[in-house]
Amino acid sequence: MSKVYDVNRIINIAKDTNEFCCFFGEYIKRKDVNVNMALDVLRISSIYLNRYSFQIEEEYNNTFKLCVNGLMNVFPEYI
């Protein structure tokens, strides 16, 4: 089965860092989401949208620390 992402929805959520972190935290807890899908969502929100380049470095690091920490908690077998 091919992976399908609603890129526009992810981009809209990613406009607000707090909203994105809440969304991402809940997203990675879903039973149908694996680590590769979770990483794809991070790529869509950061690389394609490129919004994080407008944050100061500290905000950028804090956002991704939260997301990566969430990934490590949900998918500990990949650490």
PDB file of N, CA and C in Angstrom:
ATOM      1  N   MET A   1       0.842  -1.179   0.000  1.00  0.00           N
ATOM      2  CA  MET A   1       0.000   0.000   0.000  1.00  0.00           C
ATOM      3  C   MET A   1       0.887   1.242   0.000  1.00  0.00           C
ATOM      4  N   SER A   2       0.603   2.174  -0.878  1.00  0.00           N
ATOM      5  CA  SER A   2       1.413   3.391  -0.946  1.00  0.00           C
ATOM      6  C   SER A   2       0.994   4.366   0.151  1.00  0.00           C
ATOM      7  N   LYS A   3       1.953   5.176   0.570  1.00  0.00           N
ATOM      8  CA  LYS A   3       1.690   6.165   1.612  1.00  0.00           C
ATOM      9  C   LYS A   3       1.073   7.403   0.979  1.00  0.00           C
ATOM     10  N   VAL A   4       0.048   7.940   1.609  1.00  0.00           N
ATOM     11  CA  VAL A   4      -0.618   9.140   1.122  1.00  0.00           C
ATOM     12  C   VAL A   4      -0.600  10.173   2.241  1.00  0.00           C
ATOM     13  N   TYR A   5      -0.203  11.390   1.909  1.00  0.00           N
ATOM     14  CA  TYR A   5      -0.138  12.465   2.887  1.00  0.00           C
ATOM     15  C   TYR A   5      -0.928  13.659   2.377  1.00  0.00           C
ATOM     16  N   ASP A   6      -1.661  14.298   3.259  1.00  0.00           N
ATOM     17  CA  ASP A   6      -2.338  15.542   2.922  1.00  0.00           C
ATOM     18  C   ASP A   6      -1.356  16.669   3.239  1.00  0.00           C
ATOM     19  N   VAL A   7      -0.522  16.994   2.263  1.00  0.00           N
ATOM     20  CA  VAL A   7       0.553  17.962   2.471  1.00  0.00           C
ATOM     21  C   VAL A   7       0.000  19.317   2.882  1.00  0.00           C
ATOM     22  N   ASN A   8      -1.095  19.757   2.263  1.00  0.00           N
ATOM     23  CA  ASN A   8      -1.674  21.061   2.617  1.00  0.00           C
ATOM     24  C   ASN A   8      -2.100  21.107   4.077  1.00  0.00           C
ATOM     25  N   ARG A   9      -2.686  20.019   4.565  1.00  0.00           N
ATOM     26  CA  ARG A   9      -3.106  19.979   5.974  1.00  0.00           C
ATOM     27  C   ARG A   9      -1.889  20.045   6.892  1.00  0.00           C
ATOM     28  N   ILE A  10      -0.853  19.295   6.575  1.00  0.00           N
ATOM     29  CA  ILE A  10       0.365  19.312   7.388  1.00  0.00           C
ATOM     30  C   ILE A  10       0.982  20.703   7.382  1.00  0.00           C
ATOM     31  N   ILE A  11       1.038  21.334   6.216  1.00  0.00           N
ATOM     32  CA  ILE A  11       1.617  22.680   6.110  1.00  0.00           C
ATOM     33  C   ILE A  11       0.811  23.674   6.945  1.00  0.00           C
ATOM     34  N   ASN A  12      -0.525  23.584   6.883  1.00  0.00           N
ATOM     35  CA  ASN A  12      -1.352  24.499   7.675  1.00  0.00           C
ATOM     36  C   ASN A  12      -1.142  24.300   9.168  1.00  0.00           C
ATOM     37  N   ILE A  13      -1.037  23.062   9.602  1.00  0.00           N
ATOM     38  CA  ILE A  13      -0.789  22.784  11.019  1.00  0.00           C
ATOM     39  C   ILE A  13       0.589  23.282  11.423  1.00  0.00           C
ATOM     40  N   ALA A  14       1.562  23.132  10.537  1.00  0.00           N
ATOM     41  CA  ALA A  14       2.948  23.488  10.858  1.00  0.00           C
ATOM     42  C   ALA A  14       3.171  24.992  10.970  1.00  0.00           C
ATOM     43  N   LYS A  15       2.187  25.787  10.587  1.00  0.00           N
ATOM     44  CA  LYS A  15       2.357  27.241  10.698  1.00  0.00           C
ATOM     45  C   LYS A  15       2.486  27.691  12.146  1.00  0.00           C
ATOM     46  N   ASP A  16       1.920  26.925  13.057  1.00  0.00           N
ATOM     47  CA  ASP A  16       2.028  27.236  14.484  1.00  0.00           C
ATOM     48  C   ASP A  16       2.819  26.117  15.157  1.00  0.00           C
ATOM     49  N   THR A  17       3.948  26.456  15.750  1.00  0.00           N
ATOM     50  CA  THR A  17       4.842  25.450  16.318  1.00  0.00           C
ATOM     51  C   THR A  17       4.156  24.624  17.396  1.00  0.00           C
ATOM     52  N   ASN A  18       3.437  25.271  18.299  1.00  0.00           N
ATOM     53  CA  ASN A  18       2.773  24.529  19.372  1.00  0.00           C
ATOM     54  C   ASN A  18       1.713  23.584  18.826  1.00  0.00           C
ATOM     55  N   GLU A  19       0.934  24.068  17.860  1.00  0.00           N
ATOM     56  CA  GLU A  19      -0.096  23.224  17.251  1.00  0.00           C
ATOM     57  C   GLU A  19       0.543  22.029  16.551  1.00  0.00           C
ATOM     58  N   PHE A  20       1.662  22.276  15.856  1.00  0.00           N
ATOM     59  CA  PHE A  20       2.329  21.182  15.163  1.00  0.00           C
ATOM     60  C   PHE A  20       2.848  20.141  16.146  1.00  0.00           C
ATOM     61  N   CYS A  21       3.462  20.579  17.239  1.00  0.00           N
ATOM     62  CA  CYS A  21       3.998  19.627  18.221  1.00  0.00           C
ATOM     63  C   CYS A  21       2.882  18.792  18.837  1.00  0.00           C
ATOM     64  N   CYS A  22       1.743  19.415  19.137  1.00  0.00           N
ATOM     65  CA  CYS A  22       0.589  18.666  19.659  1.00  0.00           C
ATOM     66  C   CYS A  22       0.090  17.662  18.623  1.00  0.00           C
ATOM     67  N   PHE A  23      -0.062  18.135  17.382  1.00  0.00           N
ATOM     68  CA  PHE A  23      -0.502  17.258  16.294  1.00  0.00           C
ATOM     69  C   PHE A  23       0.460  16.088  16.122  1.00  0.00           C
ATOM     70  N   PHE A  24       1.763  16.388  16.065  1.00  0.00           N
ATOM     71  CA  PHE A  24       2.758  15.355  15.807  1.00  0.00           C
ATOM     72  C   PHE A  24       2.787  14.333  16.943  1.00  0.00           C
ATOM     73  N   GLY A  25       2.676  14.820  18.181  1.00  0.00           N
ATOM     74  CA  GLY A  25       2.666  13.918  19.330  1.00  0.00           C
ATOM     75  C   GLY A  25       1.518  12.929  19.271  1.00  0.00           C
ATOM     76  N   GLU A  26       0.340  13.398  18.883  1.00  0.00           N
ATOM     77  CA  GLU A  26      -0.812  12.508  18.759  1.00  0.00           C
ATOM     78  C   GLU A  26      -0.692  11.617  17.520  1.00  0.00           C
ATOM     79  N   TYR A  27      -0.164  12.179  16.440  1.00  0.00           N
ATOM     80  CA  TYR A  27      -0.031  11.440  15.181  1.00  0.00           C
ATOM     81  C   TYR A  27       0.834  10.200  15.355  1.00  0.00           C
ATOM     82  N   ILE A  28       1.975  10.345  16.010  1.00  0.00           N
ATOM     83  CA  ILE A  28       2.899   9.213  16.110  1.00  0.00           C
ATOM     84  C   ILE A  28       2.408   8.142  17.073  1.00  0.00           C
ATOM     85  N   LYS A  29       1.368   8.422  17.839  1.00  0.00           N
ATOM     86  CA  LYS A  29       0.808   7.407  18.740  1.00  0.00           C
ATOM     87  C   LYS A  29      -0.199   6.506  18.035  1.00  0.00           C
ATOM     88  N   ARG A  30      -0.597   6.887  16.822  1.00  0.00           N
ATOM     89  CA  ARG A  30      -1.577   6.079  16.092  1.00  0.00           C
ATOM     90  C   ARG A  30      -0.998   4.716  15.739  1.00  0.00           C
ATOM     91  N   LYS A  31      -1.853   3.711  15.761  1.00  0.00           N
ATOM     92  CA  LYS A  31      -1.426   2.334  15.469  1.00  0.00           C
ATOM     93  C   LYS A  31      -0.990   2.161  14.017  1.00  0.00           C
ATOM     94  N   ASP A  32      -1.556   2.955  13.103  1.00  0.00           N
ATOM     95  CA  ASP A  32      -1.252   2.794  11.682  1.00  0.00           C
ATOM     96  C   ASP A  32      -0.051   3.624  11.231  1.00  0.00           C
ATOM     97  N   VAL A  33       0.627   4.292  12.150  1.00  0.00           N
ATOM     98  CA  VAL A  33       1.780   5.127  11.808  1.00  0.00           C
ATOM     99  C   VAL A  33       3.057   4.422  12.239  1.00  0.00           C
ATOM    100  N   ASN A  34       4.001   4.316  11.305  1.00  0.00           N
ATOM    101  CA  ASN A  34       5.304   3.744  11.650  1.00  0.00           C
ATOM    102  C   ASN A  34       6.351   4.846  11.634  1.00  0.00           C
ATOM    103  N   VAL A  35       7.559   4.503  12.016  1.00  0.00           N
ATOM    104  CA  VAL A  35       8.600   5.520  12.149  1.00  0.00           C
ATOM    105  C   VAL A  35       8.890   6.207  10.812  1.00  0.00           C
ATOM    106  N   ASN A  36       8.849   5.480   9.709  1.00  0.00           N
ATOM    107  CA  ASN A  36       9.117   6.092   8.402  1.00  0.00           C
ATOM    108  C   ASN A  36       8.042   7.109   8.028  1.00  0.00           C
ATOM    109  N   MET A  37       6.788   6.788   8.327  1.00  0.00           N
ATOM    110  CA  MET A  37       5.710   7.740   8.054  1.00  0.00           C
ATOM    111  C   MET A  37       5.870   8.983   8.924  1.00  0.00           C
ATOM    112  N   ALA A  38       6.234   8.789  10.187  1.00  0.00           N
ATOM    113  CA  ALA A  38       6.418   9.925  11.090  1.00  0.00           C
ATOM    114  C   ALA A  38       7.549  10.825  10.609  1.00  0.00           C
ATOM    115  N   LEU A  39       8.625  10.225  10.136  1.00  0.00           N
ATOM    116  CA  LEU A  39       9.739  11.015   9.608  1.00  0.00           C
ATOM    117  C   LEU A  39       9.337  11.752   8.338  1.00  0.00           C
ATOM    118  N   ASP A  40       8.500  11.134   7.514  1.00  0.00           N
ATOM    119  CA  ASP A  40       8.011  11.807   6.305  1.00  0.00           C
ATOM    120  C   ASP A  40       7.221  13.066   6.660  1.00  0.00           C
ATOM    121  N   VAL A  41       6.409  12.992   7.707  1.00  0.00           N
ATOM    122  CA  VAL A  41       5.643  14.169   8.126  1.00  0.00           C
ATOM    123  C   VAL A  41       6.585  15.277   8.582  1.00  0.00           C
ATOM    124  N   LEU A  42       7.655  14.922   9.302  1.00  0.00           N
ATOM    125  CA  LEU A  42       8.639  15.932   9.698  1.00  0.00           C
ATOM    126  C   LEU A  42       9.293  16.558   8.476  1.00  0.00           C
ATOM    127  N   ARG A  43       9.605  15.740   7.471  1.00  0.00           N
ATOM    128  CA  ARG A  43      10.230  16.270   6.247  1.00  0.00           C
ATOM    129  C   ARG A  43       9.289  17.230   5.528  1.00  0.00           C
ATOM    130  N   ILE A  44       8.029  16.833   5.418  1.00  0.00           N
ATOM    131  CA  ILE A  44       7.054  17.703   4.748  1.00  0.00           C
ATOM    132  C   ILE A  44       6.948  19.032   5.473  1.00  0.00           C
ATOM    133  N   SER A  45       6.859  18.985   6.783  1.00  0.00           N
ATOM    134  CA  SER A  45       6.638  20.210   7.548  1.00  0.00           C
ATOM    135  C   SER A  45       7.859  21.109   7.587  1.00  0.00           C
ATOM    136  N   SER A  46       9.049  20.543   7.529  1.00  0.00           N
ATOM    137  CA  SER A  46      10.247  21.381   7.657  1.00  0.00           C
ATOM    138  C   SER A  46      10.931  21.676   6.332  1.00  0.00           C
ATOM    139  N   ILE A  47      11.155  20.673   5.515  1.00  0.00           N
ATOM    140  CA  ILE A  47      11.906  20.886   4.276  1.00  0.00           C
ATOM    141  C   ILE A  47      11.029  21.509   3.195  1.00  0.00           C
ATOM    142  N   TYR A  48       9.889  20.892   2.896  1.00  0.00           N
ATOM    143  CA  TYR A  48       9.065  21.386   1.804  1.00  0.00           C
ATOM    144  C   TYR A  48       8.422  22.719   2.153  1.00  0.00           C
ATOM    145  N   LEU A  49       7.938  22.846   3.360  1.00  0.00           N
ATOM    146  CA  LEU A  49       7.337  24.109   3.777  1.00  0.00           C
ATOM    147  C   LEU A  49       8.409  25.159   4.017  1.00  0.00           C
ATOM    148  N   ASN A  50       9.534  24.729   4.548  1.00  0.00           N
ATOM    149  CA  ASN A  50      10.692  25.594   4.800  1.00  0.00           C
ATOM    150  C   ASN A  50      10.368  26.702   5.801  1.00  0.00           C
ATOM    151  N   ARG A  51       9.362  26.500   6.632  1.00  0.00           N
ATOM    152  CA  ARG A  51       8.980  27.534   7.589  1.00  0.00           C
ATOM    153  C   ARG A  51       9.973  27.641   8.728  1.00  0.00           C
ATOM    154  N   TYR A  52      10.622  26.544   9.076  1.00  0.00           N
ATOM    155  CA  TYR A  52      11.507  26.574  10.230  1.00  0.00           C
ATOM    156  C   TYR A  52      12.748  27.406   9.971  1.00  0.00           C
ATOM    157  N   SER A  53      13.048  27.706   8.722  1.00  0.00           N
ATOM    158  CA  SER A  53      14.198  28.559   8.432  1.00  0.00           C
ATOM    159  C   SER A  53      13.955  29.989   8.910  1.00  0.00           C
ATOM    160  N   PHE A  54      12.699  30.329   9.206  1.00  0.00           N
ATOM    161  CA  PHE A  54      12.374  31.670   9.676  1.00  0.00           C
ATOM    162  C   PHE A  54      12.361  31.773  11.196  1.00  0.00           C
ATOM    163  N   GLN A  55      12.616  30.665  11.884  1.00  0.00           N
ATOM    164  CA  GLN A  55      12.681  30.684  13.335  1.00  0.00           C
ATOM    165  C   GLN A  55      14.103  30.973  13.778  1.00  0.00           C
ATOM    166  N   ILE A  56      14.218  31.533  14.983  1.00  0.00           N
ATOM    167  CA  ILE A  56      15.568  31.651  15.523  1.00  0.00           C
ATOM    168  C   ILE A  56      16.053  30.239  15.835  1.00  0.00           C
ATOM    169  N   GLU A  57      17.350  30.074  15.902  1.00  0.00           N
ATOM    170  CA  GLU A  57      17.929  28.736  16.056  1.00  0.00           C
ATOM    171  C   GLU A  57      17.407  28.020  17.301  1.00  0.00           C
ATOM    172  N   GLU A  58      17.232  28.759  18.384  1.00  0.00           N
ATOM    173  CA  GLU A  58      16.758  28.139  19.627  1.00  0.00           C
ATOM    174  C   GLU A  58      15.349  27.561  19.458  1.00  0.00           C
ATOM    175  N   GLU A  59      14.453  28.312  18.792  1.00  0.00           N
ATOM    176  CA  GLU A  59      13.094  27.820  18.546  1.00  0.00           C
ATOM    177  C   GLU A  59      13.120  26.594  17.636  1.00  0.00           C
ATOM    178  N   TYR A  60      13.941  26.662  16.595  1.00  0.00           N
ATOM    179  CA  TYR A  60      14.091  25.534  15.672  1.00  0.00           C
ATOM    180  C   TYR A  60      14.513  24.291  16.434  1.00  0.00           C
ATOM    181  N   ASN A  61      15.556  24.426  17.248  1.00  0.00           N
ATOM    182  CA  ASN A  61      16.069  23.284  18.006  1.00  0.00           C
ATOM    183  C   ASN A  61      15.041  22.755  18.992  1.00  0.00           C
ATOM    184  N   ASN A  62      14.333  23.648  19.673  1.00  0.00           N
ATOM    185  CA  ASN A  62      13.329  23.212  20.641  1.00  0.00           C
ATOM    186  C   ASN A  62      12.197  22.449  19.976  1.00  0.00           C
ATOM    187  N   THR A  63      11.735  22.928  18.822  1.00  0.00           N
ATOM    188  CA  THR A  63      10.667  22.239  18.104  1.00  0.00           C
ATOM    189  C   THR A  63      11.096  20.835  17.727  1.00  0.00           C
ATOM    190  N   PHE A  64      12.276  20.697  17.150  1.00  0.00           N
ATOM    191  CA  PHE A  64      12.709  19.381  16.716  1.00  0.00           C
ATOM    192  C   PHE A  64      13.120  18.492  17.876  1.00  0.00           C
ATOM    193  N   LYS A  65      13.577  19.065  18.973  1.00  0.00           N
ATOM    194  CA  LYS A  65      13.838  18.253  20.169  1.00  0.00           C
ATOM    195  C   LYS A  65      12.543  17.602  20.641  1.00  0.00           C
ATOM    196  N   LEU A  66      11.465  18.383  20.659  1.00  0.00           N
ATOM    197  CA  LEU A  66      10.176  17.836  21.076  1.00  0.00           C
ATOM    198  C   LEU A  66       9.721  16.721  20.139  1.00  0.00           C
ATOM    199  N   CYS A  67       9.856  16.947  18.840  1.00  0.00           N
ATOM    200  CA  CYS A  67       9.415  15.955  17.861  1.00  0.00           C
ATOM    201  C   CYS A  67      10.274  14.692  17.914  1.00  0.00           C
ATOM    202  N   VAL A  68      11.581  14.867  17.985  1.00  0.00           N
ATOM    203  CA  VAL A  68      12.479  13.709  18.034  1.00  0.00           C
ATOM    204  C   VAL A  68      12.294  12.963  19.349  1.00  0.00           C
ATOM    205  N   ASN A  69      12.112  13.682  20.449  1.00  0.00           N
ATOM    206  CA  ASN A  69      11.855  13.035  21.732  1.00  0.00           C
ATOM    207  C   ASN A  69      10.566  12.216  21.666  1.00  0.00           C
ATOM    208  N   GLY A  70       9.547  12.777  21.013  1.00  0.00           N
ATOM    209  CA  GLY A  70       8.304  12.041  20.830  1.00  0.00           C
ATOM    210  C   GLY A  70       8.512  10.774  20.022  1.00  0.00           C
ATOM    211  N   LEU A  71       9.298  10.869  18.946  1.00  0.00           N
ATOM    212  CA  LEU A  71       9.603   9.685  18.139  1.00  0.00           C
ATOM    213  C   LEU A  71      10.318   8.627  18.971  1.00  0.00           C
ATOM    214  N   MET A  72      11.288   9.044  19.771  1.00  0.00           N
ATOM    215  CA  MET A  72      12.056   8.097  20.574  1.00  0.00           C
ATOM    216  C   MET A  72      11.172   7.423  21.618  1.00  0.00           C
ATOM    217  N   ASN A  73      10.223   8.157  22.174  1.00  0.00           N
ATOM    218  CA  ASN A  73       9.320   7.570  23.165  1.00  0.00           C
ATOM    219  C   ASN A  73       8.342   6.584  22.543  1.00  0.00           C
ATOM    220  N   VAL A  74       7.862   6.905  21.353  1.00  0.00           N
ATOM    221  CA  VAL A  74       6.865   6.053  20.711  1.00  0.00           C
ATOM    222  C   VAL A  74       7.510   4.879  19.980  1.00  0.00           C
ATOM    223  N   PHE A  75       8.700   5.095  19.414  1.00  0.00           N
ATOM    224  CA  PHE A  75       9.381   4.049  18.657  1.00  0.00           C
ATOM    225  C   PHE A  75      10.746   3.739  19.274  1.00  0.00           C
ATOM    226  N   PRO A  76      10.797   3.266  20.525  1.00  0.00           N
ATOM    227  CA  PRO A  76      12.097   3.044  21.184  1.00  0.00           C
ATOM    228  C   PRO A  76      12.945   1.980  20.497  1.00  0.00           C
ATOM    229  N   GLU A  77      12.322   1.100  19.733  1.00  0.00           N
ATOM    230  CA  GLU A  77      13.088   0.047  19.055  1.00  0.00           C
ATOM    231  C   GLU A  77      13.996   0.601  17.965  1.00  0.00           C
ATOM    232  N   TYR A  78      13.816   1.847  17.567  1.00  0.00           N
ATOM    233  CA  TYR A  78      14.648   2.456  16.522  1.00  0.00           C
ATOM    234  C   TYR A  78      15.800   3.274  17.084  1.00  0.00           C
ATOM    235  N   ILE A  79      15.933   3.315  18.394  1.00  0.00           N
ATOM    236  CA  ILE A  79      17.008   4.112  19.009  1.00  0.00           C
ATOM    237  C   ILE A  79      18.314   3.349  18.904  1.00  0.00           C
TER     238      ILE A  79
END
